[in-house]
Amino acid sequence: MSEILEIAPTFRFQWEEAQDCYVILYPEGMVKLSGSAGEIMKRCDGNKSTGEIIAELETAFPGVDLEDDVRNFIENARDNGWIRYKP
């Protein structure tokens, strides 16, 4: 898959000091993300494909096979509308 991923314009991704985690903000509320979900989301910057995100994470966290987990999270994040393929 070579499509570039970005945060959907109706959502905002940021570090929330009060929650001590990354969050996704939207008009109706907030979703607190796990550490691994935050690491994936911060790489959905409009410049990287799924494969590039996986490669970057496997470099950052050597010795761990992350591909299936990253692909599953990206699929769920797309289903929730948090991220999209860059138009």
PDB file of N, CA and C in Angstrom:
ATOM      1  N   MET A   1       0.852  -1.171   0.000  1.00  0.00           N
ATOM      2  CA  MET A   1       0.000   0.000   0.000  1.00  0.00           C
ATOM      3  C   MET A   1       0.899   1.235   0.000  1.00  0.00           C
ATOM      4  N   SER A   2       0.781   2.068  -0.984  1.00  0.00           N
ATOM      5  CA  SER A   2       1.675   3.226  -1.080  1.00  0.00           C
ATOM      6  C   SER A   2       0.957   4.543  -0.812  1.00  0.00           C
ATOM      7  N   GLU A   3      -0.309   4.482  -0.399  1.00  0.00           N
ATOM      8  CA  GLU A   3      -1.041   5.713  -0.141  1.00  0.00           C
ATOM      9  C   GLU A   3      -0.484   6.416   1.093  1.00  0.00           C
ATOM     10  N   ILE A   4      -0.460   7.725   1.023  1.00  0.00           N
ATOM     11  CA  ILE A   4       0.052   8.551   2.113  1.00  0.00           C
ATOM     12  C   ILE A   4      -1.077   8.802   3.113  1.00  0.00           C
ATOM     13  N   LEU A   5      -0.768   8.654   4.400  1.00  0.00           N
ATOM     14  CA  LEU A   5      -1.771   8.818   5.450  1.00  0.00           C
ATOM     15  C   LEU A   5      -1.654  10.182   6.120  1.00  0.00           C
ATOM     16  N   GLU A   6      -2.806  10.753   6.472  1.00  0.00           N
ATOM     17  CA  GLU A   6      -2.830  12.013   7.196  1.00  0.00           C
ATOM     18  C   GLU A   6      -3.995  12.005   8.187  1.00  0.00           C
ATOM     19  N   ILE A   7      -3.907  12.880   9.181  1.00  0.00           N
ATOM     20  CA  ILE A   7      -4.991  13.053  10.136  1.00  0.00           C
ATOM     21  C   ILE A   7      -6.163  13.690   9.389  1.00  0.00           C
ATOM     22  N   ALA A   8      -7.357  13.166   9.590  1.00  0.00           N
ATOM     23  CA  ALA A   8      -8.545  13.732   8.943  1.00  0.00           C
ATOM     24  C   ALA A   8      -8.768  15.154   9.460  1.00  0.00           C
ATOM     25  N   PRO A   9      -9.230  16.053   8.597  1.00  0.00           N
ATOM     26  CA  PRO A   9      -9.353  17.464   8.982  1.00  0.00           C
ATOM     27  C   PRO A   9     -10.352  17.733  10.111  1.00  0.00           C
ATOM     28  N   THR A  10     -11.269  16.837  10.381  1.00  0.00           N
ATOM     29  CA  THR A  10     -12.244  17.048  11.457  1.00  0.00           C
ATOM     30  C   THR A  10     -11.710  16.621  12.821  1.00  0.00           C
ATOM     31  N   PHE A  11     -10.475  16.120  12.869  1.00  0.00           N
ATOM     32  CA  PHE A  11      -9.860  15.666  14.116  1.00  0.00           C
ATOM     33  C   PHE A  11      -8.556  16.406  14.351  1.00  0.00           C
ATOM     34  N   ARG A  12      -8.183  16.519  15.621  1.00  0.00           N
ATOM     35  CA  ARG A  12      -6.900  17.115  15.968  1.00  0.00           C
ATOM     36  C   ARG A  12      -6.156  16.139  16.864  1.00  0.00           C
ATOM     37  N   PHE A  13      -4.925  15.883  16.522  1.00  0.00           N
ATOM     38  CA  PHE A  13      -4.064  14.973  17.271  1.00  0.00           C
ATOM     39  C   PHE A  13      -3.052  15.819  18.025  1.00  0.00           C
ATOM     40  N   GLN A  14      -2.930  15.577  19.340  1.00  0.00           N
ATOM     41  CA  GLN A  14      -1.972  16.366  20.114  1.00  0.00           C
ATOM     42  C   GLN A  14      -1.609  15.661  21.408  1.00  0.00           C
ATOM     43  N   TRP A  15      -0.488  16.100  21.997  1.00  0.00           N
ATOM     44  CA  TRP A  15      -0.103  15.645  23.326  1.00  0.00           C
ATOM     45  C   TRP A  15      -0.938  16.434  24.318  1.00  0.00           C
ATOM     46  N   GLU A  16      -1.544  15.744  25.260  1.00  0.00           N
ATOM     47  CA  GLU A  16      -2.370  16.389  26.282  1.00  0.00           C
ATOM     48  C   GLU A  16      -1.674  16.197  27.624  1.00  0.00           C
ATOM     49  N   GLU A  17      -1.056  17.266  28.107  1.00  0.00           N
ATOM     50  CA  GLU A  17      -0.279  17.201  29.351  1.00  0.00           C
ATOM     51  C   GLU A  17      -1.139  16.710  30.519  1.00  0.00           C
ATOM     52  N   ALA A  18      -2.353  17.210  30.625  1.00  0.00           N
ATOM     53  CA  ALA A  18      -3.238  16.829  31.735  1.00  0.00           C
ATOM     54  C   ALA A  18      -3.558  15.334  31.729  1.00  0.00           C
ATOM     55  N   GLN A  19      -3.598  14.730  30.549  1.00  0.00           N
ATOM     56  CA  GLN A  19      -3.888  13.296  30.433  1.00  0.00           C
ATOM     57  C   GLN A  19      -2.617  12.453  30.415  1.00  0.00           C
ATOM     58  N   ASP A  20      -1.471  13.116  30.209  1.00  0.00           N
ATOM     59  CA  ASP A  20      -0.171  12.458  30.097  1.00  0.00           C
ATOM     60  C   ASP A  20      -0.166  11.424  28.968  1.00  0.00           C
ATOM     61  N   CYS A  21      -0.799  11.809  27.849  1.00  0.00           N
ATOM     62  CA  CYS A  21      -0.837  10.918  26.685  1.00  0.00           C
ATOM     63  C   CYS A  21      -1.249  11.721  25.453  1.00  0.00           C
ATOM     64  N   TYR A  22      -1.074  11.083  24.289  1.00  0.00           N
ATOM     65  CA  TYR A  22      -1.598  11.672  23.059  1.00  0.00           C
ATOM     66  C   TYR A  22      -3.102  11.469  23.029  1.00  0.00           C
ATOM     67  N   VAL A  23      -3.788  12.427  22.440  1.00  0.00           N
ATOM     68  CA  VAL A  23      -5.240  12.346  22.319  1.00  0.00           C
ATOM     69  C   VAL A  23      -5.658  12.743  20.918  1.00  0.00           C
ATOM     70  N   ILE A  24      -6.858  12.334  20.563  1.00  0.00           N
ATOM     71  CA  ILE A  24      -7.508  12.797  19.344  1.00  0.00           C
ATOM     72  C   ILE A  24      -8.706  13.621  19.803  1.00  0.00           C
ATOM     73  N   LEU A  25      -8.739  14.879  19.383  1.00  0.00           N
ATOM     74  CA  LEU A  25      -9.831  15.766  19.740  1.00  0.00           C
ATOM     75  C   LEU A  25     -10.780  15.917  18.569  1.00  0.00           C
ATOM     76  N   TYR A  26     -12.056  15.992  18.869  1.00  0.00           N
ATOM     77  CA  TYR A  26     -13.087  16.228  17.860  1.00  0.00           C
ATOM     78  C   TYR A  26     -14.221  16.972  18.551  1.00  0.00           C
ATOM     79  N   PRO A  27     -15.139  17.563  17.800  1.00  0.00           N
ATOM     80  CA  PRO A  27     -16.151  18.426  18.417  1.00  0.00           C
ATOM     81  C   PRO A  27     -16.936  17.766  19.561  1.00  0.00           C
ATOM     82  N   GLU A  28     -17.179  16.478  19.484  1.00  0.00           N
ATOM     83  CA  GLU A  28     -17.986  15.803  20.494  1.00  0.00           C
ATOM     84  C   GLU A  28     -17.177  15.281  21.674  1.00  0.00           C
ATOM     85  N   GLY A  29     -15.854  15.350  21.618  1.00  0.00           N
ATOM     86  CA  GLY A  29     -15.083  14.821  22.726  1.00  0.00           C
ATOM     87  C   GLY A  29     -13.629  14.572  22.434  1.00  0.00           C
ATOM     88  N   MET A  30     -13.103  13.560  23.129  1.00  0.00           N
ATOM     89  CA  MET A  30     -11.674  13.270  23.074  1.00  0.00           C
ATOM     90  C   MET A  30     -11.474  11.758  23.211  1.00  0.00           C
ATOM     91  N   VAL A  31     -10.476  11.246  22.495  1.00  0.00           N
ATOM     92  CA  VAL A  31     -10.074   9.846  22.619  1.00  0.00           C
ATOM     93  C   VAL A  31      -8.650   9.831  23.147  1.00  0.00           C
ATOM     94  N   LYS A  32      -8.432   9.163  24.283  1.00  0.00           N
ATOM     95  CA  LYS A  32      -7.080   8.997  24.822  1.00  0.00           C
ATOM     96  C   LYS A  32      -6.438   7.804  24.110  1.00  0.00           C
ATOM     97  N   LEU A  33      -5.204   7.983  23.694  1.00  0.00           N
ATOM     98  CA  LEU A  33      -4.492   6.937  22.961  1.00  0.00           C
ATOM     99  C   LEU A  33      -3.437   6.268  23.835  1.00  0.00           C
ATOM    100  N   SER A  34      -3.233   4.994  23.595  1.00  0.00           N
ATOM    101  CA  SER A  34      -2.129   4.285  24.247  1.00  0.00           C
ATOM    102  C   SER A  34      -0.817   4.827  23.688  1.00  0.00           C
ATOM    103  N   GLY A  35       0.268   4.495  24.335  1.00  0.00           N
ATOM    104  CA  GLY A  35       1.577   4.947  23.857  1.00  0.00           C
ATOM    105  C   GLY A  35       1.872   4.487  22.445  1.00  0.00           C
ATOM    106  N   SER A  36       1.550   3.215  22.151  1.00  0.00           N
ATOM    107  CA  SER A  36       1.829   2.701  20.805  1.00  0.00           C
ATOM    108  C   SER A  36       0.926   3.360  19.763  1.00  0.00           C
ATOM    109  N   ALA A  37      -0.334   3.602  20.111  1.00  0.00           N
ATOM    110  CA  ALA A  37      -1.234   4.275  19.179  1.00  0.00           C
ATOM    111  C   ALA A  37      -0.750   5.691  18.899  1.00  0.00           C
ATOM    112  N   GLY A  38      -0.261   6.372  19.924  1.00  0.00           N
ATOM    113  CA  GLY A  38       0.283   7.717  19.739  1.00  0.00           C
ATOM    114  C   GLY A  38       1.492   7.723  18.821  1.00  0.00           C
ATOM    115  N   GLU A  39       2.359   6.709  18.967  1.00  0.00           N
ATOM    116  CA  GLU A  39       3.544   6.608  18.101  1.00  0.00           C
ATOM    117  C   GLU A  39       3.136   6.426  16.638  1.00  0.00           C
ATOM    118  N   ILE A  40       2.089   5.659  16.401  1.00  0.00           N
ATOM    119  CA  ILE A  40       1.610   5.467  15.024  1.00  0.00           C
ATOM    120  C   ILE A  40       0.976   6.758  14.505  1.00  0.00           C
ATOM    121  N   MET A  41       0.079   7.341  15.305  1.00  0.00           N
ATOM    122  CA  MET A  41      -0.649   8.537  14.854  1.00  0.00           C
ATOM    123  C   MET A  41       0.282   9.695  14.545  1.00  0.00           C
ATOM    124  N   LYS A  42       1.323   9.881  15.333  1.00  0.00           N
ATOM    125  CA  LYS A  42       2.195  11.031  15.077  1.00  0.00           C
ATOM    126  C   LYS A  42       2.978  10.879  13.775  1.00  0.00           C
ATOM    127  N   ARG A  43       2.998   9.694  13.232  1.00  0.00           N
ATOM    128  CA  ARG A  43       3.663   9.458  11.947  1.00  0.00           C
ATOM    129  C   ARG A  43       2.702   9.575  10.760  1.00  0.00           C
ATOM    130  N   CYS A  44       1.413   9.705  11.031  1.00  0.00           N
ATOM    131  CA  CYS A  44       0.417   9.922   9.968  1.00  0.00           C
ATOM    132  C   CYS A  44       0.373  11.412   9.671  1.00  0.00           C
ATOM    133  N   ASP A  45       1.482  11.909   9.129  1.00  0.00           N
ATOM    134  CA  ASP A  45       1.707  13.352   8.996  1.00  0.00           C
ATOM    135  C   ASP A  45       1.492  13.893   7.592  1.00  0.00           C
ATOM    136  N   GLY A  46       0.922  13.080   6.719  1.00  0.00           N
ATOM    137  CA  GLY A  46       0.709  13.536   5.351  1.00  0.00           C
ATOM    138  C   GLY A  46       1.912  13.348   4.456  1.00  0.00           C
ATOM    139  N   ASN A  47       2.957  12.677   4.987  1.00  0.00           N
ATOM    140  CA  ASN A  47       4.186  12.460   4.213  1.00  0.00           C
ATOM    141  C   ASN A  47       4.587  10.999   4.100  1.00  0.00           C
ATOM    142  N   LYS A  48       3.939  10.111   4.870  1.00  0.00           N
ATOM    143  CA  LYS A  48       4.379   8.713   4.924  1.00  0.00           C
ATOM    144  C   LYS A  48       3.260   7.754   4.554  1.00  0.00           C
ATOM    145  N   SER A  49       3.655   6.666   3.933  1.00  0.00           N
ATOM    146  CA  SER A  49       2.729   5.570   3.633  1.00  0.00           C
ATOM    147  C   SER A  49       2.721   4.606   4.820  1.00  0.00           C
ATOM    148  N   THR A  50       1.817   3.659   4.799  1.00  0.00           N
ATOM    149  CA  THR A  50       1.763   2.630   5.843  1.00  0.00           C
ATOM    150  C   THR A  50       3.107   1.907   5.948  1.00  0.00           C
ATOM    151  N   GLY A  51       3.670   1.524   4.811  1.00  0.00           N
ATOM    152  CA  GLY A  51       4.955   0.830   4.816  1.00  0.00           C
ATOM    153  C   GLY A  51       6.071   1.660   5.419  1.00  0.00           C
ATOM    154  N   GLU A  52       6.079   2.940   5.127  1.00  0.00           N
ATOM    155  CA  GLU A  52       7.104   3.830   5.696  1.00  0.00           C
ATOM    156  C   GLU A  52       6.916   3.988   7.201  1.00  0.00           C
ATOM    157  N   ILE A  53       5.682   4.054   7.643  1.00  0.00           N
ATOM    158  CA  ILE A  53       5.403   4.159   9.082  1.00  0.00           C
ATOM    159  C   ILE A  53       5.882   2.896   9.794  1.00  0.00           C
ATOM    160  N   ILE A  54       5.585   1.733   9.224  1.00  0.00           N
ATOM    161  CA  ILE A  54       6.024   0.466   9.817  1.00  0.00           C
ATOM    162  C   ILE A  54       7.547   0.420   9.890  1.00  0.00           C
ATOM    163  N   ALA A  55       8.213   0.772   8.804  1.00  0.00           N
ATOM    164  CA  ALA A  55       9.683   0.744   8.777  1.00  0.00           C
ATOM    165  C   ALA A  55      10.270   1.684   9.823  1.00  0.00           C
ATOM    166  N   GLU A  56       9.704   2.874   9.951  1.00  0.00           N
ATOM    167  CA  GLU A  56      10.202   3.851  10.925  1.00  0.00           C
ATOM    168  C   GLU A  56      10.017   3.328  12.354  1.00  0.00           C
ATOM    169  N   LEU A  57       8.868   2.726  12.626  1.00  0.00           N
ATOM    170  CA  LEU A  57       8.611   2.198  13.965  1.00  0.00           C
ATOM    171  C   LEU A  57       9.503   0.998  14.274  1.00  0.00           C
ATOM    172  N   GLU A  58       9.740   0.137  13.294  1.00  0.00           N
ATOM    173  CA  GLU A  58      10.611  -1.020  13.528  1.00  0.00           C
ATOM    174  C   GLU A  58      12.061  -0.587  13.727  1.00  0.00           C
ATOM    175  N   THR A  59      12.446   0.556  13.158  1.00  0.00           N
ATOM    176  CA  THR A  59      13.772   1.110  13.420  1.00  0.00           C
ATOM    177  C   THR A  59      13.830   1.699  14.824  1.00  0.00           C
ATOM    178  N   ALA A  60      12.759   2.396  15.220  1.00  0.00           N
ATOM    179  CA  ALA A  60      12.709   3.018  16.544  1.00  0.00           C
ATOM    180  C   ALA A  60      12.612   1.983  17.667  1.00  0.00           C
ATOM    181  N   PHE A  61      11.973   0.850  17.370  1.00  0.00           N
ATOM    182  CA  PHE A  61      11.771  -0.200  18.364  1.00  0.00           C
ATOM    183  C   PHE A  61      12.294  -1.523  17.798  1.00  0.00           C
ATOM    184  N   PRO A  62      13.626  -1.667  17.724  1.00  0.00           N
ATOM    185  CA  PRO A  62      14.226  -2.841  17.079  1.00  0.00           C
ATOM    186  C   PRO A  62      13.892  -4.140  17.797  1.00  0.00           C
ATOM    187  N   GLY A  63      13.859  -5.206  17.005  1.00  0.00           N
ATOM    188  CA  GLY A  63      13.633  -6.533  17.540  1.00  0.00           C
ATOM    189  C   GLY A  63      12.172  -6.877  17.766  1.00  0.00           C
ATOM    190  N   VAL A  64      11.270  -5.987  17.372  1.00  0.00           N
ATOM    191  CA  VAL A  64       9.841  -6.231  17.559  1.00  0.00           C
ATOM    192  C   VAL A  64       9.173  -6.209  16.188  1.00  0.00           C
ATOM    193  N   ASP A  65       8.408  -7.253  15.892  1.00  0.00           N
ATOM    194  CA  ASP A  65       7.660  -7.300  14.629  1.00  0.00           C
ATOM    195  C   ASP A  65       6.352  -6.552  14.835  1.00  0.00           C
ATOM    196  N   LEU A  66       6.261  -5.366  14.264  1.00  0.00           N
ATOM    197  CA  LEU A  66       5.119  -4.485  14.502  1.00  0.00           C
ATOM    198  C   LEU A  66       4.118  -4.426  13.352  1.00  0.00           C
ATOM    199  N   GLU A  67       4.442  -5.049  12.241  1.00  0.00           N
ATOM    200  CA  GLU A  67       3.644  -4.855  11.029  1.00  0.00           C
ATOM    201  C   GLU A  67       2.160  -5.129  11.227  1.00  0.00           C
ATOM    202  N   ASP A  68       1.799  -6.288  11.769  1.00  0.00           N
ATOM    203  CA  ASP A  68       0.380  -6.618  11.922  1.00  0.00           C
ATOM    204  C   ASP A  68      -0.331  -5.634  12.849  1.00  0.00           C
ATOM    205  N   ASP A  69       0.315  -5.294  13.970  1.00  0.00           N
ATOM    206  CA  ASP A  69      -0.300  -4.360  14.918  1.00  0.00           C
ATOM    207  C   ASP A  69      -0.501  -2.985  14.294  1.00  0.00           C
ATOM    208  N   VAL A  70       0.490  -2.510  13.557  1.00  0.00           N
ATOM    209  CA  VAL A  70       0.374  -1.192  12.922  1.00  0.00           C
ATOM    210  C   VAL A  70      -0.725  -1.211  11.869  1.00  0.00           C
ATOM    211  N   ARG A  71      -0.736  -2.231  11.036  1.00  0.00           N
ATOM    212  CA  ARG A  71      -1.788  -2.314  10.005  1.00  0.00           C
ATOM    213  C   ARG A  71      -3.182  -2.388  10.635  1.00  0.00           C
ATOM    214  N   ASN A  72      -3.328  -3.164  11.715  1.00  0.00           N
ATOM    215  CA  ASN A  72      -4.623  -3.250  12.392  1.00  0.00           C
ATOM    216  C   ASN A  72      -5.043  -1.907  12.977  1.00  0.00           C
ATOM    217  N   PHE A  73      -4.096  -1.210  13.610  1.00  0.00           N
ATOM    218  CA  PHE A  73      -4.442   0.097  14.174  1.00  0.00           C
ATOM    219  C   PHE A  73      -4.839   1.071  13.072  1.00  0.00           C
ATOM    220  N   ILE A  74      -4.071   1.099  11.990  1.00  0.00           N
ATOM    221  CA  ILE A  74      -4.382   2.016  10.885  1.00  0.00           C
ATOM    222  C   ILE A  74      -5.762   1.709  10.311  1.00  0.00           C
ATOM    223  N   GLU A  75      -6.082   0.438  10.161  1.00  0.00           N
ATOM    224  CA  GLU A  75      -7.406   0.067   9.658  1.00  0.00           C
ATOM    225  C   GLU A  75      -8.507   0.563  10.604  1.00  0.00           C
ATOM    226  N   ASN A  76      -8.308   0.373  11.906  1.00  0.00           N
ATOM    227  CA  ASN A  76      -9.293   0.845  12.887  1.00  0.00           C
ATOM    228  C   ASN A  76      -9.380   2.366  12.909  1.00  0.00           C
ATOM    229  N   ALA A  77      -8.245   3.036  12.826  1.00  0.00           N
ATOM    230  CA  ALA A  77      -8.240   4.505  12.815  1.00  0.00           C
ATOM    231  C   ALA A  77      -8.948   5.043  11.571  1.00  0.00           C
ATOM    232  N   ARG A  78      -8.757   4.375  10.441  1.00  0.00           N
ATOM    233  CA  ARG A  78      -9.468   4.777   9.219  1.00  0.00           C
ATOM    234  C   ARG A  78     -10.966   4.520   9.373  1.00  0.00           C
ATOM    235  N   ASP A  79     -11.341   3.386   9.937  1.00  0.00           N
ATOM    236  CA  ASP A  79     -12.753   3.082  10.159  1.00  0.00           C
ATOM    237  C   ASP A  79     -13.407   4.111  11.073  1.00  0.00           C
ATOM    238  N   ASN A  80     -12.650   4.622  12.052  1.00  0.00           N
ATOM    239  CA  ASN A  80     -13.166   5.644  12.964  1.00  0.00           C
ATOM    240  C   ASN A  80     -13.117   7.043  12.354  1.00  0.00           C
ATOM    241  N   GLY A  81     -12.485   7.168  11.187  1.00  0.00           N
ATOM    242  CA  GLY A  81     -12.391   8.461  10.516  1.00  0.00           C
ATOM    243  C   GLY A  81     -11.280   9.361  11.019  1.00  0.00           C
ATOM    244  N   TRP A  82     -10.403   8.853  11.908  1.00  0.00           N
ATOM    245  CA  TRP A  82      -9.327   9.673  12.461  1.00  0.00           C
ATOM    246  C   TRP A  82      -8.266   9.996  11.426  1.00  0.00           C
ATOM    247  N   ILE A  83      -7.970   9.040  10.551  1.00  0.00           N
ATOM    248  CA  ILE A  83      -6.979   9.253   9.505  1.00  0.00           C
ATOM    249  C   ILE A  83      -7.616   8.908   8.161  1.00  0.00           C
ATOM    250  N   ARG A  84      -6.952   9.378   7.121  1.00  0.00           N
ATOM    251  CA  ARG A  84      -7.429   9.101   5.767  1.00  0.00           C
ATOM    252  C   ARG A  84      -6.229   9.062   4.841  1.00  0.00           C
ATOM    253  N   TYR A  85      -6.476   8.560   3.650  1.00  0.00           N
ATOM    254  CA  TYR A  85      -5.441   8.667   2.619  1.00  0.00           C
ATOM    255  C   TYR A  85      -5.464  10.086   2.100  1.00  0.00           C
ATOM    256  N   LYS A  86      -4.286  10.656   1.973  1.00  0.00           N
ATOM    257  CA  LYS A  86      -4.161  12.036   1.510  1.00  0.00           C
ATOM    258  C   LYS A  86      -4.735  12.144   0.102  1.00  0.00           C
ATOM    259  N   PRO A  87      -5.637  13.113  -0.106  1.00  0.00           N
ATOM    260  CA  PRO A  87      -6.234  13.252  -1.452  1.00  0.00           C
ATOM    261  C   PRO A  87      -5.227  13.752  -2.477  1.00  0.00           C
TER     262      PRO A  87
END
